[in-house]
Protein backbone atom coordinates (compact mmCIF):
# COMPACT_ATOMS: atom_id res chain seq x y z
CA MET A 1 1.96 8.81 -14.76
CA THR A 2 4.92 9.04 -17.13
CA GLN A 3 8.57 9.69 -16.49
CA ARG A 4 8.07 13.16 -17.93
CA ASP A 5 6.06 14.06 -14.82
CA TRP A 6 8.90 12.93 -12.59
CA ILE A 7 11.20 15.71 -13.79
CA GLU A 8 8.95 18.42 -12.36
CA LYS A 9 7.48 16.68 -9.31
CA ASP A 10 9.44 16.21 -6.07
CA PHE A 11 7.74 13.21 -4.43
CA TYR A 12 10.16 13.23 -1.48
CA ARG A 13 9.08 16.78 -0.67
CA GLU A 14 5.41 15.76 -0.93
CA LEU A 15 5.94 13.10 1.76
CA GLY A 16 8.27 15.29 3.84
CA VAL A 17 11.19 12.84 3.75
CA SER A 18 14.72 12.99 2.40
CA SER A 19 15.82 11.24 -0.79
CA THR A 20 17.83 8.82 1.37
CA ALA A 21 14.83 7.81 3.51
CA SER A 22 14.33 4.09 4.09
CA ASP A 23 11.29 2.19 2.85
CA SER A 24 9.86 2.07 6.37
CA GLU A 25 10.32 5.84 6.82
CA ILE A 26 8.53 6.51 3.53
CA LYS A 27 5.67 4.20 4.47
CA LYS A 28 5.36 5.77 7.94
CA ALA A 29 5.28 9.29 6.47
CA TYR A 30 2.67 8.32 3.89
CA ARG A 31 0.36 6.68 6.43
CA LYS A 32 0.57 9.71 8.73
CA LEU A 33 -0.27 12.14 5.93
CA ALA A 34 -2.98 9.90 4.47
CA ARG A 35 -4.76 9.79 7.85
CA GLU A 36 -4.51 13.57 8.28
CA LEU A 37 -5.57 14.45 4.73
CA HIS A 38 -8.16 11.76 4.00
CA PRO A 39 -11.42 13.26 2.66
CA ASP A 40 -13.39 11.52 5.40
CA ALA A 41 -11.40 13.50 7.98
CA ASN A 42 -11.65 16.76 6.00
CA PRO A 43 -15.12 16.92 4.44
CA GLY A 44 -15.45 19.77 1.95
CA ASP A 45 -11.76 20.80 2.23
CA ALA A 46 -10.53 21.13 -1.36
CA LYS A 47 -6.94 21.83 -0.31
CA ALA A 48 -6.78 18.71 1.86
CA GLU A 49 -8.26 16.69 -1.00
CA ALA A 50 -5.64 18.00 -3.43
CA ARG A 51 -2.85 17.21 -0.97
CA PHE A 52 -4.31 13.74 -0.41
CA LYS A 53 -4.10 13.10 -4.16
CA ALA A 54 -0.53 14.41 -4.34
CA VAL A 55 0.59 12.31 -1.36
CA SER A 56 -1.05 9.18 -2.82
CA GLU A 57 0.65 9.82 -6.15
CA ALA A 58 4.03 10.27 -4.46
CA TYR A 59 3.70 7.06 -2.44
CA GLY A 60 2.60 5.19 -5.57
CA VAL A 61 6.12 5.80 -6.91
CA LEU A 62 8.33 5.88 -3.80
CA GLY A 63 6.51 2.95 -2.19
CA ASP A 64 7.49 0.71 -5.12
CA ALA A 65 11.19 -0.19 -5.12
CA ALA A 66 11.44 -0.49 -8.91
CA LYS A 67 9.56 2.75 -9.58
CA ARG A 68 11.57 4.60 -6.94
CA LYS A 69 14.85 3.48 -8.52
CA GLU A 70 13.68 4.61 -11.95
CA TYR A 71 12.41 7.91 -10.52
CA ASP A 72 15.73 8.62 -8.79
CA GLU A 73 17.70 7.81 -11.93
CA THR A 74 15.49 10.00 -14.11
CA ARG A 75 15.73 13.02 -11.81
CA ALA A 76 19.48 12.55 -11.38
CA LEU A 77 19.86 12.50 -15.15
CA PHE A 78 18.14 15.86 -15.51
CA ALA A 79 19.60 17.52 -12.42
CA GLY A 80 21.68 20.66 -12.76
CA GLY A 81 20.51 21.73 -16.20
CA GLY A 82 18.92 18.54 -17.33
CA MET A 83 21.84 16.44 -18.65
CA PRO A 84 24.91 14.62 -17.33
CA GLY A 85 27.68 17.14 -16.84
CA GLY A 86 25.12 19.97 -16.85
CA PHE A 87 25.34 20.90 -20.53
CA GLY A 88 24.80 24.47 -19.39
CA GLY A 89 28.46 25.34 -19.47
CA GLY A 90 29.48 22.90 -22.11
CA GLN A 91 31.76 20.96 -19.77
CA GLY A 92 31.64 17.29 -19.04
CA PHE A 93 30.03 16.18 -22.30
CA PRO A 94 31.70 13.17 -23.90
CA GLY A 95 33.97 14.40 -26.65
CA GLY A 96 34.77 17.73 -25.02
CA PHE A 97 32.19 19.99 -26.70
CA SER A 98 32.47 23.64 -25.69
CA GLN A 99 30.40 26.76 -26.17
CA GLY A 100 30.77 28.66 -29.44
CA GLY A 101 33.35 28.13 -32.16
CA ALA A 102 33.39 25.28 -34.62
CA GLN A 103 32.40 22.83 -31.91
CA GLY A 104 29.27 24.68 -30.73
CA PHE A 105 25.99 22.81 -31.32
CA ASP A 106 22.27 22.85 -30.61
CA LEU A 107 20.67 19.99 -28.67
CA ASN A 108 17.75 20.10 -31.10
CA ASP A 109 20.02 18.19 -33.47
CA LEU A 110 20.53 15.46 -30.90
CA PHE A 111 16.83 15.19 -30.11
CA GLY A 112 15.89 14.70 -33.75
CA GLN A 113 14.28 18.13 -34.10
CA ALA A 114 14.92 20.72 -36.83
CA GLY A 115 18.21 22.39 -35.98
CA ARG A 116 21.43 23.40 -37.48
CA GLY A 117 22.45 21.10 -40.30
CA GLY A 118 19.07 19.41 -40.76
CA GLY A 119 16.75 17.23 -38.92
CA GLY A 120 18.03 14.61 -36.63
CA GLY A 121 19.00 11.39 -38.32
CA ALA A 122 18.94 7.93 -36.82
CA GLY A 123 20.66 7.20 -33.56
CA GLY A 124 22.09 9.80 -31.16
CA LEU A 125 20.43 11.14 -28.03
CA GLY A 126 17.05 11.40 -29.76
CA ASP A 127 16.79 7.61 -29.63
CA LEU A 128 18.22 7.50 -26.12
CA PHE A 129 15.69 9.90 -24.65
CA GLY A 130 12.90 8.56 -26.80
CA GLY A 131 13.46 5.19 -25.14
CA LEU A 132 13.68 6.81 -21.72
CA PHE A 133 10.28 8.46 -22.05
CA GLY A 134 8.52 5.60 -23.76
CA ASN A 135 8.87 6.84 -27.35
CA ARG A 136 10.65 3.92 -28.91
CA GLY A 137 11.24 5.60 -32.25
CA GLY A 138 12.82 8.72 -30.76
CA ALA A 139 10.61 11.11 -32.70
CA GLY A 140 7.99 11.54 -29.96
CA PRO A 141 4.27 10.84 -29.99
CA ALA A 142 1.86 12.22 -32.52
CA PRO A 143 0.81 15.82 -31.79
CA GLY A 144 -2.07 16.01 -29.30
CA MET A 145 -1.68 12.38 -28.29
CA GLN A 146 -1.93 12.10 -24.51
CA ARG A 147 0.43 9.67 -22.83
CA ALA A 148 -0.95 6.79 -20.80
CA GLN A 149 -0.44 7.17 -17.04
CA GLN A 150 -0.74 4.36 -14.52
CA GLY A 151 -3.09 4.95 -11.60
CA SER A 152 -1.76 5.30 -8.08
CA ASP A 153 -2.01 2.56 -5.47
CA VAL A 154 -4.59 3.11 -2.74
CA GLU A 155 -4.59 1.82 0.85
CA SER A 156 -7.69 1.31 2.95
CA SER A 157 -8.60 -0.51 6.16
CA LEU A 158 -11.35 -2.93 7.09
CA THR A 159 -12.40 -4.18 10.53
CA ILE A 160 -13.73 -7.74 10.55
CA PRO A 161 -15.07 -10.08 13.27
CA PHE A 162 -12.82 -12.83 14.60
CA GLU A 163 -15.12 -15.52 13.13
CA ASP A 164 -14.84 -14.06 9.61
CA ALA A 165 -11.06 -13.95 9.88
CA VAL A 166 -11.03 -17.64 10.80
CA ARG A 167 -13.69 -18.92 8.41
CA GLY A 168 -13.32 -16.45 5.54
CA ALA A 169 -16.05 -14.17 4.23
CA THR A 170 -17.17 -11.92 1.39
CA MET A 171 -17.65 -8.33 2.52
CA THR A 172 -18.47 -4.96 0.98
CA LEU A 173 -15.92 -2.20 1.52
CA THR A 174 -16.59 1.46 0.79
CA VAL A 175 -13.41 3.17 -0.41
CA THR A 176 -13.02 6.93 -0.67
CA SER A 177 -10.23 7.48 -3.17
CA PRO A 178 -9.47 9.00 -6.57
CA GLY A 179 -11.61 7.45 -9.30
CA THR A 180 -12.54 8.09 -12.91
CA CYS A 181 -14.63 11.24 -13.08
CA ASP A 182 -18.28 10.37 -13.67
CA THR A 183 -18.97 13.67 -15.43
CA CYS A 184 -16.28 13.57 -18.14
CA HIS A 185 -15.52 9.81 -17.95
CA GLY A 186 -11.83 10.54 -17.55
CA SER A 187 -11.37 12.87 -20.52
CA GLY A 188 -10.91 15.98 -18.37
CA ALA A 189 -13.18 17.99 -20.68
CA ARG A 190 -16.66 19.31 -20.02
CA PRO A 191 -19.22 16.98 -21.69
CA GLY A 192 -19.79 18.06 -25.27
CA THR A 193 -16.35 19.64 -25.61
CA GLY A 194 -12.96 18.25 -26.59
CA SER A 195 -9.29 19.08 -26.57
CA HIS A 196 -6.78 20.64 -28.94
CA THR A 197 -3.12 20.16 -29.60
CA CYS A 198 -1.04 22.25 -27.23
CA ARG A 199 0.00 25.43 -29.06
CA VAL A 200 3.06 25.92 -26.88
CA CYS A 201 4.77 22.60 -27.54
CA GLY A 202 2.98 21.60 -30.73
CA GLY A 203 1.77 18.38 -29.16
CA SER A 204 5.21 17.00 -28.30
CA GLY A 205 4.83 17.61 -24.58
CA PHE A 206 8.26 19.31 -24.51
CA VAL A 207 9.49 22.86 -25.07
CA ASN A 208 12.98 24.20 -25.68
CA ARG A 209 14.74 26.84 -23.63
CA SER A 210 18.07 28.53 -24.16
CA GLU A 211 20.95 27.72 -21.85
CA GLY A 212 23.86 29.81 -23.05
CA ALA A 213 24.91 28.43 -26.41
CA PHE A 214 22.70 25.39 -25.96
CA ALA A 215 19.00 24.64 -26.25
CA MET A 216 17.48 22.47 -23.53
CA SER A 217 14.28 20.43 -23.76
CA GLU A 218 11.88 20.30 -20.77
CA PRO A 219 8.24 19.27 -20.11
CA CYS A 220 5.70 21.81 -21.32
CA ARG A 221 4.03 23.63 -18.46
CA GLU A 222 0.99 24.56 -20.50
CA CYS A 223 -0.16 20.98 -21.09
CA ARG A 224 1.87 19.38 -18.27
CA GLY A 225 3.64 17.17 -20.77
CA THR A 226 0.46 15.58 -22.18
CA GLY A 227 0.65 17.29 -25.56
CA SER A 228 -2.97 18.47 -25.53
CA VAL A 229 -5.13 21.02 -23.70
CA VAL A 230 -8.85 20.61 -23.00
CA ASP A 231 -10.99 23.41 -24.45
CA ASP A 232 -13.33 23.61 -21.45
CA PRO A 233 -12.22 21.79 -18.25
CA CYS A 234 -14.71 19.48 -16.56
CA PRO A 235 -16.39 21.32 -13.65
CA GLU A 236 -16.13 18.28 -11.39
CA CYS A 237 -12.50 17.24 -11.82
CA HIS A 238 -11.14 20.56 -13.17
CA GLY A 239 -9.55 18.85 -16.15
CA ASP A 240 -7.78 16.04 -14.31
CA GLY A 241 -10.20 13.31 -15.41
CA VAL A 242 -10.08 12.03 -11.84
CA SER A 243 -12.27 12.89 -8.86
CA THR A 244 -12.32 11.67 -5.26
CA LYS A 245 -15.43 9.71 -4.49
CA ALA A 246 -16.81 6.86 -2.40
CA ARG A 247 -17.19 3.56 -4.24
CA PRO A 248 -18.32 0.15 -2.93
CA LEU A 249 -16.07 -2.84 -3.54
CA THR A 250 -16.62 -6.53 -2.85
CA VAL A 251 -13.70 -8.02 -0.92
CA ARG A 252 -13.13 -11.74 -0.54
CA ILE A 253 -11.52 -12.48 2.84
CA PRO A 254 -9.71 -15.85 2.73
CA ALA A 255 -9.92 -18.15 5.74
CA GLY A 256 -7.11 -17.71 8.24
CA VAL A 257 -6.22 -14.04 7.74
CA GLU A 258 -4.58 -12.37 10.71
CA ASP A 259 -4.73 -8.95 12.33
CA GLY A 260 -2.64 -6.41 10.38
CA GLN A 261 -2.51 -8.51 7.20
CA ARG A 262 -2.93 -6.70 3.86
CA ILE A 263 -4.98 -7.99 0.93
CA ARG A 264 -4.07 -6.77 -2.56
CA LEU A 265 -6.86 -6.13 -5.04
CA ALA A 266 -5.18 -5.73 -8.42
CA GLY A 267 -6.54 -2.94 -10.60
CA LYS A 268 -8.89 -1.58 -7.91
CA GLY A 269 -6.78 1.42 -6.95
CA GLY A 270 -6.56 4.85 -8.55
CA PRO A 271 -7.67 4.94 -12.19
CA GLY A 272 -5.17 5.22 -15.00
CA ARG A 273 -5.27 8.28 -17.20
CA PHE A 274 -5.33 8.44 -20.97
CA GLY A 275 -5.70 4.67 -21.30
CA GLY A 276 -3.17 3.74 -18.62
CA PRO A 277 -3.77 0.80 -16.21
CA ALA A 278 -5.36 1.33 -12.82
CA GLY A 279 -3.32 1.04 -9.65
CA ASP A 280 -3.89 -1.55 -6.92
CA LEU A 281 -5.92 -1.38 -3.72
CA TYR A 282 -4.33 -2.66 -0.51
CA VAL A 283 -6.81 -3.46 2.26
CA LYS A 284 -5.33 -3.66 5.77
CA LEU A 285 -7.36 -5.90 8.04
CA LYS A 286 -8.10 -5.28 11.70
CA VAL A 287 -9.51 -8.33 13.46
CA THR A 288 -11.64 -7.74 16.55
CA PRO A 289 -10.70 -9.97 19.51
CA HIS A 290 -13.01 -12.88 20.40
CA ARG A 291 -14.52 -13.27 23.87
CA LEU A 292 -13.23 -16.83 24.23
CA PHE A 293 -10.89 -17.81 21.41
CA GLY A 294 -7.45 -16.63 20.36
CA ARG A 295 -4.83 -17.50 17.72
CA SER A 296 -1.66 -19.45 18.50
CA ALA A 297 1.52 -17.38 18.19
CA LYS A 298 3.41 -20.45 16.97
CA ASN A 299 0.89 -21.54 14.35
CA GLY A 300 -1.78 -19.04 13.37
CA ASN A 301 -4.07 -21.83 12.14
CA ASP A 302 -4.38 -23.19 15.68
CA LEU A 303 -7.06 -21.65 17.89
CA THR A 304 -6.56 -21.30 21.65
CA LEU A 305 -9.11 -21.61 24.45
CA LYS A 306 -8.78 -21.40 28.23
CA VAL A 307 -11.21 -23.58 30.21
CA PRO A 308 -11.69 -23.14 33.98
CA VAL A 309 -11.90 -26.39 36.01
CA THR A 310 -12.33 -27.30 39.69
CA PHE A 311 -9.58 -28.79 41.80
CA PRO A 312 -11.43 -32.11 42.24
CA GLU A 313 -11.77 -32.40 38.43
CA LEU A 314 -8.00 -32.14 38.06
CA VAL A 315 -7.33 -34.60 40.89
CA SER A 316 -9.91 -37.22 40.02
CA GLY A 317 -10.21 -36.65 36.28
CA ALA A 318 -13.32 -35.58 34.35
CA THR A 319 -14.93 -35.35 30.92
CA LEU A 320 -15.59 -31.73 29.95
CA THR A 321 -17.80 -30.23 27.24
CA VAL A 322 -15.87 -27.37 25.64
CA PRO A 323 -16.99 -24.98 22.87
CA THR A 324 -15.55 -24.69 19.37
CA LEU A 325 -16.32 -21.97 16.83
CA ASP A 326 -18.95 -24.24 15.25
CA SER A 327 -20.30 -26.45 18.07
CA THR A 328 -18.92 -28.31 21.10
CA VAL A 329 -16.62 -31.28 21.74
CA SER A 330 -16.01 -33.63 24.69
CA LEU A 331 -12.57 -33.43 26.27
CA LYS A 332 -11.33 -36.07 28.72
CA ILE A 333 -9.15 -34.81 31.56
CA PRO A 334 -7.07 -37.62 33.12
CA ALA A 335 -6.70 -37.88 36.93
CA GLY A 336 -3.77 -35.94 38.34
CA THR A 337 -3.76 -33.25 35.63
CA ALA A 338 -1.84 -30.10 36.56
CA SER A 339 -3.41 -26.69 36.19
CA GLY A 340 -2.13 -24.99 33.00
CA ARG A 341 -1.84 -28.18 30.94
CA THR A 342 -2.84 -27.82 27.27
CA PHE A 343 -4.77 -30.45 25.32
CA ARG A 344 -4.96 -30.59 21.51
CA VAL A 345 -8.29 -31.19 19.76
CA ARG A 346 -7.43 -32.14 16.17
CA GLY A 347 -9.04 -30.37 13.23
CA ARG A 348 -11.05 -27.81 15.20
CA GLY A 349 -8.94 -24.77 14.31
CA VAL A 350 -8.76 -22.65 11.16
CA GLN A 351 -10.02 -24.48 8.07
CA ALA A 352 -7.35 -23.14 5.68
CA LYS A 353 -6.53 -24.36 2.16
CA LYS A 354 -3.24 -25.82 3.36
CA GLY A 355 -5.04 -27.89 6.00
CA ALA A 356 -7.08 -27.51 9.15
CA GLY A 357 -5.54 -26.22 12.35
CA ASP A 358 -6.23 -27.58 15.85
CA LEU A 359 -7.95 -26.29 18.97
CA LEU A 360 -5.55 -25.92 21.90
CA VAL A 361 -7.45 -26.17 25.19
CA THR A 362 -5.64 -25.05 28.35
CA VAL A 363 -7.23 -26.07 31.68
CA GLU A 364 -6.84 -23.70 34.61
CA VAL A 365 -8.05 -24.32 38.14
CA ALA A 366 -10.75 -21.89 39.28
CA VAL A 367 -10.43 -20.73 42.90
CA PRO A 368 -13.71 -19.81 44.64
CA GLN A 369 -13.71 -16.33 46.18
CA ARG A 370 -15.84 -17.35 49.19
CA LEU A 371 -16.69 -20.61 51.04
CA ASP A 372 -19.63 -21.34 53.30
CA ASP A 373 -19.13 -23.08 56.65
CA ALA A 374 -19.56 -26.59 55.27
CA ALA A 375 -17.05 -26.02 52.48
CA THR A 376 -14.59 -24.44 54.87
CA GLU A 377 -14.77 -27.47 57.21
CA ALA A 378 -14.36 -29.85 54.28
CA LEU A 379 -11.33 -27.91 53.01
CA GLN A 380 -9.75 -28.02 56.47
CA ALA A 381 -10.35 -31.76 56.67
CA TYR A 382 -8.70 -32.17 53.26
CA SER A 383 -5.73 -30.07 54.39
CA ASP A 384 -5.32 -32.21 57.51
CA ALA A 385 -5.52 -35.41 55.46
CA THR A 386 -2.81 -34.32 53.00
CA LYS A 387 -0.24 -32.85 55.38
CA SER A 388 2.34 -35.34 54.16
CA PHE A 389 2.19 -33.89 50.64
CA ASP A 390 4.59 -30.95 50.19
CA PRO A 391 4.37 -29.45 46.68
CA ARG A 392 7.40 -27.22 47.36
CA ALA A 393 9.75 -29.90 48.56
CA ASP A 394 11.93 -29.67 45.42
CA LEU A 395 12.23 -25.89 45.75
CA LEU A 396 13.87 -26.18 49.13
CA ALA A 397 16.08 -29.15 48.34
CA ARG A 398 19.84 -28.43 48.17
């Protein structure tokens, strides 16, 4: 996409947000629309597919701080007639130009086009706007030459098992998103046909319109600013060179990723057009909970595990066999251990590049739901033998 496209397209309107919306508001709006319009949720709905493309294109610009700033500046520059001060009434232009009289002029002169007094010498606004739209020389691209457009960024999601999040894995992800059209290979033309220089703009991508005594330059609607028109549009992509399709991608999941984390795959997003670079693919991970293990909130590389123990094991001490993700380890519980105490098993957590995490084992006393007669008598005997021990003595002390 070039800056020329930005003049005609209102990306804020596409996402349903105001131009003063925060980054989080823009992201929230995009995610909501992407879920509603995704081809998987609207099979065979051409309108939903078109809106999905438009929304993805809008977020590709507004979701990037640098692109959004450039987009806002470009549209502000061309607001109200296309130039600072409007140009339409001749007011506000540096130097005090006015309509008619000896000071009247045609903007074709400033853009380096044939106008009154000859054809646009060096310098002036022709160079300024040439630089703005990527034409460093100010004279514009060669007729019929299509301008490179960067592909849009694409977001997808992937659900992975807890073990793969901890250990890392290589997985195959199927992404349904805009991709280079297989029929025309991105040219936009039906196979066997080509394109011709736009007859409306002569290949410049811009046309002039009268604004009172002035002539304004704006993107050509016939070729959408590309400078060329395909003779016979591709039946699959309708001349866009891009079609929505499912494509498999291999994703490398590094060890230690967490739920909600995004992985960026550079160049795997929407395809560029006319030789432009592809966008990026952002994969949001959803980690399924494990039956036994969890992740420490303080250090995500530490795994957590709760182990039930009996009261006698806490009182007298014991050696327990506890599971890890790979095998088992022996854990010694000293006599007099309180329920809820956590023990650290070194090196049995996430095996990340920055170092291995630990396994945090918390012991919790298990209370039997029912006792037979013998156990009940034994418990009563224990209670009688320990009457002198009051665990709540400190609570009542003044």
